[in-house]
Amino acid sequence: MSDELPIITRAYALYKPIDSINETLPKRRRYSLGNSTEQTLLELLRHLLTAKHAPKTHKSLHLLKAQSELELLRFKLRLYLELGIANETRIMQLQSQIAEIGRMLGGWLKSSM
């Protein structure tokens, strides 16, 4: 992963802590919100990777889709907090990492337009 774009590396690094949190969720939440959160993160990664390889004229489309997935991920993690189903400190750490990814994504999107 050392030759990967930093934004992709950071997004990739979110998977393990989210998976770890999902393992501790009640069964009902694990198979609904937990799986949905993991799928959202995987979609985010898919759009970032697609944007990386897309021609310049198509990059912004994939980056906008990635931005949408990132926002959805933020909302899902906020649900974890509001439902009281995950450790607040761990979720806050993930939200901080997501904010950093958002800043990177915003910069990439701005430079591609």
PDB file of N, CA and C in Angstrom:
ATOM      1  N   MET A   1       0.811  -1.197   0.000  1.00  0.00           N
ATOM      2  CA  MET A   1       0.000   0.000   0.000  1.00  0.00           C
ATOM      3  C   MET A   1       0.856   1.265   0.000  1.00  0.00           C
ATOM      4  N   SER A   2       2.161   1.141   0.045  1.00  0.00           N
ATOM      5  CA  SER A   2       3.019   2.320   0.140  1.00  0.00           C
ATOM      6  C   SER A   2       2.976   3.180  -1.110  1.00  0.00           C
ATOM      7  N   ASP A   3       2.620   2.604  -2.260  1.00  0.00           N
ATOM      8  CA  ASP A   3       2.561   3.386  -3.488  1.00  0.00           C
ATOM      9  C   ASP A   3       1.148   3.911  -3.769  1.00  0.00           C
ATOM     10  N   GLU A   4       0.245   3.709  -2.830  1.00  0.00           N
ATOM     11  CA  GLU A   4      -1.144   4.132  -2.989  1.00  0.00           C
ATOM     12  C   GLU A   4      -1.307   5.599  -2.627  1.00  0.00           C
ATOM     13  N   LEU A   5      -2.346   6.224  -3.154  1.00  0.00           N
ATOM     14  CA  LEU A   5      -2.651   7.607  -2.794  1.00  0.00           C
ATOM     15  C   LEU A   5      -2.977   7.689  -1.301  1.00  0.00           C
ATOM     16  N   PRO A   6      -2.543   8.744  -0.618  1.00  0.00           N
ATOM     17  CA  PRO A   6      -2.794   8.864   0.827  1.00  0.00           C
ATOM     18  C   PRO A   6      -4.274   8.787   1.206  1.00  0.00           C
ATOM     19  N   ILE A   7      -5.150   9.360   0.388  1.00  0.00           N
ATOM     20  CA  ILE A   7      -6.574   9.326   0.715  1.00  0.00           C
ATOM     21  C   ILE A   7      -7.102   7.891   0.680  1.00  0.00           C
ATOM     22  N   ILE A   8      -6.618   7.103  -0.259  1.00  0.00           N
ATOM     23  CA  ILE A   8      -7.049   5.708  -0.361  1.00  0.00           C
ATOM     24  C   ILE A   8      -6.497   4.907   0.815  1.00  0.00           C
ATOM     25  N   THR A   9      -5.258   5.170   1.190  1.00  0.00           N
ATOM     26  CA  THR A   9      -4.664   4.494   2.338  1.00  0.00           C
ATOM     27  C   THR A   9      -5.444   4.798   3.608  1.00  0.00           C
ATOM     28  N   ARG A  10      -5.833   6.055   3.779  1.00  0.00           N
ATOM     29  CA  ARG A  10      -6.587   6.445   4.984  1.00  0.00           C
ATOM     30  C   ARG A  10      -7.973   5.817   4.996  1.00  0.00           C
ATOM     31  N   ALA A  11      -8.635   5.799   3.853  1.00  0.00           N
ATOM     32  CA  ALA A  11      -9.960   5.182   3.775  1.00  0.00           C
ATOM     33  C   ALA A  11      -9.862   3.676   4.024  1.00  0.00           C
ATOM     34  N   TYR A  12      -8.848   3.061   3.467  1.00  0.00           N
ATOM     35  CA  TYR A  12      -8.608   1.624   3.660  1.00  0.00           C
ATOM     36  C   TYR A  12      -8.393   1.308   5.149  1.00  0.00           C
ATOM     37  N   ALA A  13      -7.680   2.194   5.828  1.00  0.00           N
ATOM     38  CA  ALA A  13      -7.368   1.989   7.243  1.00  0.00           C
ATOM     39  C   ALA A  13      -8.607   2.064   8.138  1.00  0.00           C
ATOM     40  N   LEU A  14      -9.692   2.613   7.657  1.00  0.00           N
ATOM     41  CA  LEU A  14     -10.924   2.683   8.450  1.00  0.00           C
ATOM     42  C   LEU A  14     -11.611   1.331   8.579  1.00  0.00           C
ATOM     43  N   TYR A  15     -11.344   0.436   7.650  1.00  0.00           N
ATOM     44  CA  TYR A  15     -12.098  -0.821   7.626  1.00  0.00           C
ATOM     45  C   TYR A  15     -11.906  -1.649   8.894  1.00  0.00           C
ATOM     46  N   LYS A  16     -10.682  -1.828   9.330  1.00  0.00           N
ATOM     47  CA  LYS A  16     -10.426  -2.689  10.495  1.00  0.00           C
ATOM     48  C   LYS A  16     -11.115  -2.187  11.762  1.00  0.00           C
ATOM     49  N   PRO A  17     -10.996  -0.887  12.117  1.00  0.00           N
ATOM     50  CA  PRO A  17     -11.694  -0.446  13.321  1.00  0.00           C
ATOM     51  C   PRO A  17     -13.219  -0.530  13.195  1.00  0.00           C
ATOM     52  N   ILE A  18     -13.752  -0.273  12.017  1.00  0.00           N
ATOM     53  CA  ILE A  18     -15.201  -0.393  11.848  1.00  0.00           C
ATOM     54  C   ILE A  18     -15.627  -1.850  11.975  1.00  0.00           C
ATOM     55  N   ASP A  19     -14.870  -2.744  11.388  1.00  0.00           N
ATOM     56  CA  ASP A  19     -15.155  -4.176  11.513  1.00  0.00           C
ATOM     57  C   ASP A  19     -15.083  -4.612  12.974  1.00  0.00           C
ATOM     58  N   SER A  20     -14.098  -4.113  13.682  1.00  0.00           N
ATOM     59  CA  SER A  20     -13.939  -4.443  15.101  1.00  0.00           C
ATOM     60  C   SER A  20     -15.141  -3.968  15.918  1.00  0.00           C
ATOM     61  N   ILE A  21     -15.613  -2.767  15.643  1.00  0.00           N
ATOM     62  CA  ILE A  21     -16.795  -2.241  16.341  1.00  0.00           C
ATOM     63  C   ILE A  21     -18.010  -3.087  15.992  1.00  0.00           C
ATOM     64  N   ASN A  22     -18.142  -3.437  14.731  1.00  0.00           N
ATOM     65  CA  ASN A  22     -19.303  -4.218  14.297  1.00  0.00           C
ATOM     66  C   ASN A  22     -19.361  -5.588  14.957  1.00  0.00           C
ATOM     67  N   GLU A  23     -18.221  -6.158  15.267  1.00  0.00           N
ATOM     68  CA  GLU A  23     -18.199  -7.457  15.946  1.00  0.00           C
ATOM     69  C   GLU A  23     -18.823  -7.385  17.333  1.00  0.00           C
ATOM     70  N   THR A  24     -18.788  -6.207  17.954  1.00  0.00           N
ATOM     71  CA  THR A  24     -19.328  -6.053  19.305  1.00  0.00           C
ATOM     72  C   THR A  24     -20.785  -5.586  19.320  1.00  0.00           C
ATOM     73  N   LEU A  25     -21.327  -5.284  18.150  1.00  0.00           N
ATOM     74  CA  LEU A  25     -22.715  -4.819  18.081  1.00  0.00           C
ATOM     75  C   LEU A  25     -23.678  -5.954  18.396  1.00  0.00           C
ATOM     76  N   PRO A  26     -24.842  -5.608  18.942  1.00  0.00           N
ATOM     77  CA  PRO A  26     -25.875  -6.636  19.100  1.00  0.00           C
ATOM     78  C   PRO A  26     -26.223  -7.232  17.737  1.00  0.00           C
ATOM     79  N   LYS A  27     -26.592  -8.484  17.733  1.00  0.00           N
ATOM     80  CA  LYS A  27     -26.818  -9.215  16.485  1.00  0.00           C
ATOM     81  C   LYS A  27     -27.755  -8.461  15.539  1.00  0.00           C
ATOM     82  N   ARG A  28     -28.814  -7.915  16.076  1.00  0.00           N
ATOM     83  CA  ARG A  28     -29.789  -7.191  15.257  1.00  0.00           C
ATOM     84  C   ARG A  28     -29.141  -6.019  14.520  1.00  0.00           C
ATOM     85  N   ARG A  29     -28.271  -5.299  15.194  1.00  0.00           N
ATOM     86  CA  ARG A  29     -27.608  -4.130  14.600  1.00  0.00           C
ATOM     87  C   ARG A  29     -26.446  -4.543  13.696  1.00  0.00           C
ATOM     88  N   ARG A  30     -25.785  -5.649  14.047  1.00  0.00           N
ATOM     89  CA  ARG A  30     -24.626  -6.097  13.278  1.00  0.00           C
ATOM     90  C   ARG A  30     -25.010  -6.412  11.836  1.00  0.00           C
ATOM     91  N   TYR A  31     -26.179  -7.013  11.661  1.00  0.00           N
ATOM     92  CA  TYR A  31     -26.585  -7.429  10.321  1.00  0.00           C
ATOM     93  C   TYR A  31     -27.393  -6.373   9.587  1.00  0.00           C
ATOM     94  N   SER A  32     -27.643  -5.254  10.219  1.00  0.00           N
ATOM     95  CA  SER A  32     -28.319  -4.160   9.520  1.00  0.00           C
ATOM     96  C   SER A  32     -27.372  -2.971   9.417  1.00  0.00           C
ATOM     97  N   LEU A  33     -27.257  -2.211  10.463  1.00  0.00           N
ATOM     98  CA  LEU A  33     -26.415  -1.020  10.445  1.00  0.00           C
ATOM     99  C   LEU A  33     -24.935  -1.362  10.262  1.00  0.00           C
ATOM    100  N   GLY A  34     -24.483  -2.420  10.913  1.00  0.00           N
ATOM    101  CA  GLY A  34     -23.072  -2.813  10.809  1.00  0.00           C
ATOM    102  C   GLY A  34     -22.671  -3.166   9.394  1.00  0.00           C
ATOM    103  N   ASN A  35     -23.433  -4.064   8.769  1.00  0.00           N
ATOM    104  CA  ASN A  35     -23.125  -4.456   7.380  1.00  0.00           C
ATOM    105  C   ASN A  35     -23.278  -3.280   6.424  1.00  0.00           C
ATOM    106  N   SER A  36     -24.289  -2.463   6.657  1.00  0.00           N
ATOM    107  CA  SER A  36     -24.518  -1.308   5.801  1.00  0.00           C
ATOM    108  C   SER A  36     -23.349  -0.322   5.890  1.00  0.00           C
ATOM    109  N   THR A  37     -22.819  -0.138   7.075  1.00  0.00           N
ATOM    110  CA  THR A  37     -21.686   0.765   7.263  1.00  0.00           C
ATOM    111  C   THR A  37     -20.456   0.236   6.538  1.00  0.00           C
ATOM    112  N   GLU A  38     -20.207  -1.043   6.650  1.00  0.00           N
ATOM    113  CA  GLU A  38     -19.073  -1.643   5.942  1.00  0.00           C
ATOM    114  C   GLU A  38     -19.238  -1.499   4.430  1.00  0.00           C
ATOM    115  N   GLN A  39     -20.445  -1.711   3.924  1.00  0.00           N
ATOM    116  CA  GLN A  39     -20.690  -1.580   2.481  1.00  0.00           C
ATOM    117  C   GLN A  39     -20.495  -0.142   2.011  1.00  0.00           C
ATOM    118  N   THR A  40     -20.891   0.809   2.844  1.00  0.00           N
ATOM    119  CA  THR A  40     -20.693   2.217   2.495  1.00  0.00           C
ATOM    120  C   THR A  40     -19.204   2.529   2.386  1.00  0.00           C
ATOM    121  N   LEU A  41     -18.420   2.032   3.325  1.00  0.00           N
ATOM    122  CA  LEU A  41     -16.974   2.241   3.278  1.00  0.00           C
ATOM    123  C   LEU A  41     -16.363   1.593   2.041  1.00  0.00           C
ATOM    124  N   LEU A  42     -16.812   0.400   1.701  1.00  0.00           N
ATOM    125  CA  LEU A  42     -16.298  -0.276   0.508  1.00  0.00           C
ATOM    126  C   LEU A  42     -16.686   0.481  -0.764  1.00  0.00           C
ATOM    127  N   GLU A  43     -17.874   1.058  -0.797  1.00  0.00           N
ATOM    128  CA  GLU A  43     -18.284   1.875  -1.940  1.00  0.00           C
ATOM    129  C   GLU A  43     -17.422   3.129  -2.041  1.00  0.00           C
ATOM    130  N   LEU A  44     -17.122   3.730  -0.896  1.00  0.00           N
ATOM    131  CA  LEU A  44     -16.228   4.890  -0.871  1.00  0.00           C
ATOM    132  C   LEU A  44     -14.882   4.522  -1.490  1.00  0.00           C
ATOM    133  N   LEU A  45     -14.326   3.411  -1.070  1.00  0.00           N
ATOM    134  CA  LEU A  45     -13.050   2.954  -1.628  1.00  0.00           C
ATOM    135  C   LEU A  45     -13.161   2.692  -3.133  1.00  0.00           C
ATOM    136  N   ARG A  46     -14.256   2.097  -3.547  1.00  0.00           N
ATOM    137  CA  ARG A  46     -14.453   1.809  -4.974  1.00  0.00           C
ATOM    138  C   ARG A  46     -14.449   3.098  -5.788  1.00  0.00           C
ATOM    139  N   HIS A  47     -15.150   4.111  -5.298  1.00  0.00           N
ATOM    140  CA  HIS A  47     -15.202   5.374  -6.037  1.00  0.00           C
ATOM    141  C   HIS A  47     -13.851   6.087  -6.035  1.00  0.00           C
ATOM    142  N   LEU A  48     -13.119   5.995  -4.943  1.00  0.00           N
ATOM    143  CA  LEU A  48     -11.788   6.607  -4.899  1.00  0.00           C
ATOM    144  C   LEU A  48     -10.842   5.925  -5.882  1.00  0.00           C
ATOM    145  N   LEU A  49     -10.887   4.611  -5.901  1.00  0.00           N
ATOM    146  CA  LEU A  49     -10.020   3.863  -6.832  1.00  0.00           C
ATOM    147  C   LEU A  49     -10.416   4.114  -8.282  1.00  0.00           C
ATOM    148  N   THR A  50     -11.712   4.201  -8.535  1.00  0.00           N
ATOM    149  CA  THR A  50     -12.169   4.483  -9.892  1.00  0.00           C
ATOM    150  C   THR A  50     -11.720   5.878 -10.318  1.00  0.00           C
ATOM    151  N   ALA A  51     -11.830   6.846  -9.410  1.00  0.00           N
ATOM    152  CA  ALA A  51     -11.397   8.217  -9.721  1.00  0.00           C
ATOM    153  C   ALA A  51      -9.900   8.261  -9.995  1.00  0.00           C
ATOM    154  N   LYS A  52      -9.147   7.478  -9.254  1.00  0.00           N
ATOM    155  CA  LYS A  52      -7.693   7.443  -9.449  1.00  0.00           C
ATOM    156  C   LYS A  52      -7.344   7.045 -10.877  1.00  0.00           C
ATOM    157  N   HIS A  53      -8.089   6.103 -11.429  1.00  0.00           N
ATOM    158  CA  HIS A  53      -7.767   5.572 -12.752  1.00  0.00           C
ATOM    159  C   HIS A  53      -8.588   6.200 -13.882  1.00  0.00           C
ATOM    160  N   ALA A  54      -9.542   7.038 -13.530  1.00  0.00           N
ATOM    161  CA  ALA A  54     -10.413   7.631 -14.547  1.00  0.00           C
ATOM    162  C   ALA A  54      -9.698   8.752 -15.296  1.00  0.00           C
ATOM    163  N   PRO A  55     -10.096   8.985 -16.541  1.00  0.00           N
ATOM    164  CA  PRO A  55      -9.546  10.145 -17.255  1.00  0.00           C
ATOM    165  C   PRO A  55     -10.000  11.425 -16.554  1.00  0.00           C
ATOM    166  N   LYS A  56      -9.236  12.469 -16.717  1.00  0.00           N
ATOM    167  CA  LYS A  56      -9.496  13.730 -16.010  1.00  0.00           C
ATOM    168  C   LYS A  56     -10.930  14.213 -16.177  1.00  0.00           C
ATOM    169  N   THR A  57     -11.510  14.005 -17.337  1.00  0.00           N
ATOM    170  CA  THR A  57     -12.876  14.476 -17.579  1.00  0.00           C
ATOM    171  C   THR A  57     -13.925  13.739 -16.748  1.00  0.00           C
ATOM    172  N   HIS A  58     -13.595  12.551 -16.243  1.00  0.00           N
ATOM    173  CA  HIS A  58     -14.552  11.751 -15.468  1.00  0.00           C
ATOM    174  C   HIS A  58     -14.231  11.703 -13.977  1.00  0.00           C
ATOM    175  N   LYS A  59     -13.080  12.196 -13.584  1.00  0.00           N
ATOM    176  CA  LYS A  59     -12.672  12.134 -12.176  1.00  0.00           C
ATOM    177  C   LYS A  59     -13.680  12.775 -11.241  1.00  0.00           C
ATOM    178  N   SER A  60     -14.145  13.984 -11.604  1.00  0.00           N
ATOM    179  CA  SER A  60     -15.026  14.718 -10.695  1.00  0.00           C
ATOM    180  C   SER A  60     -16.321  13.955 -10.420  1.00  0.00           C
ATOM    181  N   LEU A  61     -16.839  13.232 -11.398  1.00  0.00           N
ATOM    182  CA  LEU A  61     -18.049  12.437 -11.192  1.00  0.00           C
ATOM    183  C   LEU A  61     -17.827  11.388 -10.107  1.00  0.00           C
ATOM    184  N   HIS A  62     -16.725  10.672 -10.184  1.00  0.00           N
ATOM    185  CA  HIS A  62     -16.427   9.625  -9.196  1.00  0.00           C
ATOM    186  C   HIS A  62     -16.099  10.235  -7.833  1.00  0.00           C
ATOM    187  N   LEU A  63     -15.456  11.375  -7.838  1.00  0.00           N
ATOM    188  CA  LEU A  63     -15.133  12.037  -6.576  1.00  0.00           C
ATOM    189  C   LEU A  63     -16.399  12.552  -5.888  1.00  0.00           C
ATOM    190  N   LEU A  64     -17.359  13.019  -6.665  1.00  0.00           N
ATOM    191  CA  LEU A  64     -18.636  13.444  -6.076  1.00  0.00           C
ATOM    192  C   LEU A  64     -19.381  12.254  -5.473  1.00  0.00           C
ATOM    193  N   LYS A  65     -19.313  11.118  -6.154  1.00  0.00           N
ATOM    194  CA  LYS A  65     -19.930   9.899  -5.608  1.00  0.00           C
ATOM    195  C   LYS A  65     -19.216   9.478  -4.322  1.00  0.00           C
ATOM    196  N   ALA A  66     -17.893   9.596  -4.301  1.00  0.00           N
ATOM    197  CA  ALA A  66     -17.125   9.271  -3.094  1.00  0.00           C
ATOM    198  C   ALA A  66     -17.504  10.214  -1.967  1.00  0.00           C
ATOM    199  N   GLN A  67     -17.696  11.482  -2.295  1.00  0.00           N
ATOM    200  CA  GLN A  67     -18.082  12.468  -1.285  1.00  0.00           C
ATOM    201  C   GLN A  67     -19.447  12.117  -0.691  1.00  0.00           C
ATOM    202  N   SER A  68     -20.345  11.654  -1.519  1.00  0.00           N
ATOM    203  CA  SER A  68     -21.664  11.230  -1.060  1.00  0.00           C
ATOM    204  C   SER A  68     -21.560  10.031  -0.109  1.00  0.00           C
ATOM    205  N   GLU A  69     -20.728   9.068  -0.470  1.00  0.00           N
ATOM    206  CA  GLU A  69     -20.531   7.886   0.391  1.00  0.00           C
ATOM    207  C   GLU A  69     -19.892   8.277   1.723  1.00  0.00           C
ATOM    208  N   LEU A  70     -18.969   9.221   1.670  1.00  0.00           N
ATOM    209  CA  LEU A  70     -18.306   9.680   2.890  1.00  0.00           C
ATOM    210  C   LEU A  70     -19.313  10.348   3.823  1.00  0.00           C
ATOM    211  N   GLU A  71     -20.200  11.147   3.265  1.00  0.00           N
ATOM    212  CA  GLU A  71     -21.223  11.804   4.086  1.00  0.00           C
ATOM    213  C   GLU A  71     -22.172  10.770   4.692  1.00  0.00           C
ATOM    214  N   LEU A  72     -22.523   9.775   3.914  1.00  0.00           N
ATOM    215  CA  LEU A  72     -23.376   8.702   4.418  1.00  0.00           C
ATOM    216  C   LEU A  72     -22.676   7.948   5.550  1.00  0.00           C
ATOM    217  N   LEU A  73     -21.382   7.711   5.406  1.00  0.00           N
ATOM    218  CA  LEU A  73     -20.603   7.056   6.456  1.00  0.00           C
ATOM    219  C   LEU A  73     -20.623   7.880   7.745  1.00  0.00           C
ATOM    220  N   ARG A  74     -20.498   9.196   7.616  1.00  0.00           N
ATOM    221  CA  ARG A  74     -20.574  10.078   8.791  1.00  0.00           C
ATOM    222  C   ARG A  74     -21.902   9.908   9.521  1.00  0.00           C
ATOM    223  N   PHE A  75     -22.993   9.896   8.755  1.00  0.00           N
ATOM    224  CA  PHE A  75     -24.308   9.759   9.357  1.00  0.00           C
ATOM    225  C   PHE A  75     -24.476   8.413  10.056  1.00  0.00           C
ATOM    226  N   LYS A  76     -23.973   7.371   9.449  1.00  0.00           N
ATOM    227  CA  LYS A  76     -24.101   6.043  10.054  1.00  0.00           C
ATOM    228  C   LYS A  76     -23.320   5.955  11.361  1.00  0.00           C
ATOM    229  N   LEU A  77     -22.129   6.547  11.394  1.00  0.00           N
ATOM    230  CA  LEU A  77     -21.366   6.530  12.641  1.00  0.00           C
ATOM    231  C   LEU A  77     -22.051   7.384  13.709  1.00  0.00           C
ATOM    232  N   ARG A  78     -22.692   8.449  13.282  1.00  0.00           N
ATOM    233  CA  ARG A  78     -23.448   9.255  14.248  1.00  0.00           C
ATOM    234  C   ARG A  78     -24.608   8.442  14.826  1.00  0.00           C
ATOM    235  N   LEU A  79     -25.204   7.587  14.004  1.00  0.00           N
ATOM    236  CA  LEU A  79     -26.262   6.698  14.492  1.00  0.00           C
ATOM    237  C   LEU A  79     -25.739   5.747  15.566  1.00  0.00           C
ATOM    238  N   TYR A  80     -24.520   5.257  15.384  1.00  0.00           N
ATOM    239  CA  TYR A  80     -23.904   4.383  16.395  1.00  0.00           C
ATOM    240  C   TYR A  80     -23.916   5.094  17.746  1.00  0.00           C
ATOM    241  N   LEU A  81     -23.552   6.379  17.726  1.00  0.00           N
ATOM    242  CA  LEU A  81     -23.512   7.157  18.971  1.00  0.00           C
ATOM    243  C   LEU A  81     -24.915   7.383  19.527  1.00  0.00           C
ATOM    244  N   GLU A  82     -25.825   7.817  18.680  1.00  0.00           N
ATOM    245  CA  GLU A  82     -27.170   8.132  19.140  1.00  0.00           C
ATOM    246  C   GLU A  82     -27.919   6.916  19.656  1.00  0.00           C
ATOM    247  N   LEU A  83     -27.635   5.758  19.093  1.00  0.00           N
ATOM    248  CA  LEU A  83     -28.262   4.526  19.559  1.00  0.00           C
ATOM    249  C   LEU A  83     -27.534   3.931  20.765  1.00  0.00           C
ATOM    250  N   GLY A  84     -26.362   4.487  21.060  1.00  0.00           N
ATOM    251  CA  GLY A  84     -25.581   4.006  22.207  1.00  0.00           C
ATOM    252  C   GLY A  84     -25.070   2.595  22.040  1.00  0.00           C
ATOM    253  N   ILE A  85     -24.714   2.229  20.812  1.00  0.00           N
ATOM    254  CA  ILE A  85     -24.306   0.847  20.553  1.00  0.00           C
ATOM    255  C   ILE A  85     -22.811   0.694  20.334  1.00  0.00           C
ATOM    256  N   ALA A  86     -22.065   1.792  20.445  1.00  0.00           N
ATOM    257  CA  ALA A  86     -20.617   1.706  20.250  1.00  0.00           C
ATOM    258  C   ALA A  86     -19.925   2.673  21.210  1.00  0.00           C
ATOM    259  N   ASN A  87     -18.671   2.391  21.465  1.00  0.00           N
ATOM    260  CA  ASN A  87     -17.859   3.213  22.346  1.00  0.00           C
ATOM    261  C   ASN A  87     -17.696   4.611  21.748  1.00  0.00           C
ATOM    262  N   GLU A  88     -18.050   5.609  22.542  1.00  0.00           N
ATOM    263  CA  GLU A  88     -18.022   6.993  22.062  1.00  0.00           C
ATOM    264  C   GLU A  88     -16.623   7.432  21.643  1.00  0.00           C
ATOM    265  N   THR A  89     -15.613   7.053  22.402  1.00  0.00           N
ATOM    266  CA  THR A  89     -14.240   7.452  22.081  1.00  0.00           C
ATOM    267  C   THR A  89     -13.808   6.893  20.728  1.00  0.00           C
ATOM    268  N   ARG A  90     -14.103   5.627  20.483  1.00  0.00           N
ATOM    269  CA  ARG A  90     -13.716   5.004  19.209  1.00  0.00           C
ATOM    270  C   ARG A  90     -14.435   5.656  18.030  1.00  0.00           C
ATOM    271  N   ILE A  91     -15.703   5.970  18.214  1.00  0.00           N
ATOM    272  CA  ILE A  91     -16.461   6.609  17.138  1.00  0.00           C
ATOM    273  C   ILE A  91     -15.916   8.010  16.874  1.00  0.00           C
ATOM    274  N   MET A  92     -15.577   8.740  17.929  1.00  0.00           N
ATOM    275  CA  MET A  92     -15.017  10.089  17.761  1.00  0.00           C
ATOM    276  C   MET A  92     -13.676  10.029  17.011  1.00  0.00           C
ATOM    277  N   GLN A  93     -12.866   9.019  17.309  1.00  0.00           N
ATOM    278  CA  GLN A  93     -11.602   8.849  16.590  1.00  0.00           C
ATOM    279  C   GLN A  93     -11.854   8.585  15.106  1.00  0.00           C
ATOM    280  N   LEU A  94     -12.828   7.739  14.816  1.00  0.00           N
ATOM    281  CA  LEU A  94     -13.167   7.451  13.420  1.00  0.00           C
ATOM    282  C   LEU A  94     -13.710   8.691  12.720  1.00  0.00           C
ATOM    283  N   GLN A  95     -14.523   9.461  13.427  1.00  0.00           N
ATOM    284  CA  GLN A  95     -15.064  10.685  12.831  1.00  0.00           C
ATOM    285  C   GLN A  95     -13.951  11.683  12.516  1.00  0.00           C
ATOM    286  N   SER A  96     -12.933  11.715  13.359  1.00  0.00           N
ATOM    287  CA  SER A  96     -11.784  12.581  13.108  1.00  0.00           C
ATOM    288  C   SER A  96     -11.047  12.138  11.838  1.00  0.00           C
ATOM    289  N   GLN A  97     -10.877  10.839  11.685  1.00  0.00           N
ATOM    290  CA  GLN A  97     -10.225  10.305  10.486  1.00  0.00           C
ATOM    291  C   GLN A  97     -11.066  10.573   9.243  1.00  0.00           C
ATOM    292  N   ILE A  98     -12.371  10.482   9.379  1.00  0.00           N
ATOM    293  CA  ILE A  98     -13.272  10.748   8.259  1.00  0.00           C
ATOM    294  C   ILE A  98     -13.213  12.224   7.873  1.00  0.00           C
ATOM    295  N   ALA A  99     -13.092  13.099   8.866  1.00  0.00           N
ATOM    296  CA  ALA A  99     -12.972  14.535   8.582  1.00  0.00           C
ATOM    297  C   ALA A  99     -11.703  14.806   7.771  1.00  0.00           C
ATOM    298  N   GLU A 100     -10.610  14.134   8.121  1.00  0.00           N
ATOM    299  CA  GLU A 100      -9.357  14.295   7.380  1.00  0.00           C
ATOM    300  C   GLU A 100      -9.519  13.801   5.942  1.00  0.00           C
ATOM    301  N   ILE A 101     -10.179  12.672   5.772  1.00  0.00           N
ATOM    302  CA  ILE A 101     -10.433  12.146   4.429  1.00  0.00           C
ATOM    303  C   ILE A 101     -11.305  13.135   3.658  1.00  0.00           C
ATOM    304  N   GLY A 102     -12.259  13.740   4.320  1.00  0.00           N
ATOM    305  CA  GLY A 102     -13.120  14.729   3.684  1.00  0.00           C
ATOM    306  C   GLY A 102     -12.343  15.939   3.183  1.00  0.00           C
ATOM    307  N   ARG A 103     -11.382  16.394   3.982  1.00  0.00           N
ATOM    308  CA  ARG A 103     -10.546  17.516   3.556  1.00  0.00           C
ATOM    309  C   ARG A 103      -9.712  17.131   2.335  1.00  0.00           C
ATOM    310  N   MET A 104      -9.164  15.931   2.358  1.00  0.00           N
ATOM    311  CA  MET A 104      -8.358  15.465   1.227  1.00  0.00           C
ATOM    312  C   MET A 104      -9.227  15.324  -0.027  1.00  0.00           C
ATOM    313  N   LEU A 105     -10.413  14.780   0.153  1.00  0.00           N
ATOM    314  CA  LEU A 105     -11.328  14.586  -0.958  1.00  0.00           C
ATOM    315  C   LEU A 105     -11.761  15.933  -1.539  1.00  0.00           C
ATOM    316  N   GLY A 106     -12.028  16.895  -0.671  1.00  0.00           N
ATOM    317  CA  GLY A 106     -12.400  18.229  -1.137  1.00  0.00           C
ATOM    318  C   GLY A 106     -11.291  18.864  -1.964  1.00  0.00           C
ATOM    319  N   GLY A 107     -10.054  18.703  -1.529  1.00  0.00           N
ATOM    320  CA  GLY A 107      -8.925  19.235  -2.281  1.00  0.00           C
ATOM    321  C   GLY A 107      -8.763  18.566  -3.629  1.00  0.00           C
ATOM    322  N   TRP A 108      -8.937  17.247  -3.649  1.00  0.00           N
ATOM    323  CA  TRP A 108      -8.813  16.501  -4.903  1.00  0.00           C
ATOM    324  C   TRP A 108      -9.927  16.906  -5.866  1.00  0.00           C
ATOM    325  N   LEU A 109     -11.124  17.040  -5.325  1.00  0.00           N
ATOM    326  CA  LEU A 109     -12.267  17.444  -6.160  1.00  0.00           C
ATOM    327  C   LEU A 109     -12.047  18.849  -6.726  1.00  0.00           C
ATOM    328  N   LYS A 110     -11.584  19.750  -5.910  1.00  0.00           N
ATOM    329  CA  LYS A 110     -11.342  21.126  -6.353  1.00  0.00           C
ATOM    330  C   LYS A 110     -10.292  21.160  -7.472  1.00  0.00           C
ATOM    331  N   SER A 111      -9.256  20.351  -7.325  1.00  0.00           N
ATOM    332  CA  SER A 111      -8.188  20.350  -8.344  1.00  0.00           C
ATOM    333  C   SER A 111      -8.613  19.648  -9.637  1.00  0.00           C
ATOM    334  N   SER A 112      -9.660  18.835  -9.566  1.00  0.00           N
ATOM    335  CA  SER A 112     -10.082  18.109 -10.766  1.00  0.00           C
ATOM    336  C   SER A 112     -11.134  18.861 -11.569  1.00  0.00           C
ATOM    337  N   MET A 113     -11.629  19.960 -11.040  1.00  0.00           N
ATOM    338  CA  MET A 113     -12.675  20.722 -11.753  1.00  0.00           C
ATOM    339  C   MET A 113     -12.083  21.869 -12.525  1.00  0.00           C
TER     340      MET A 113
END
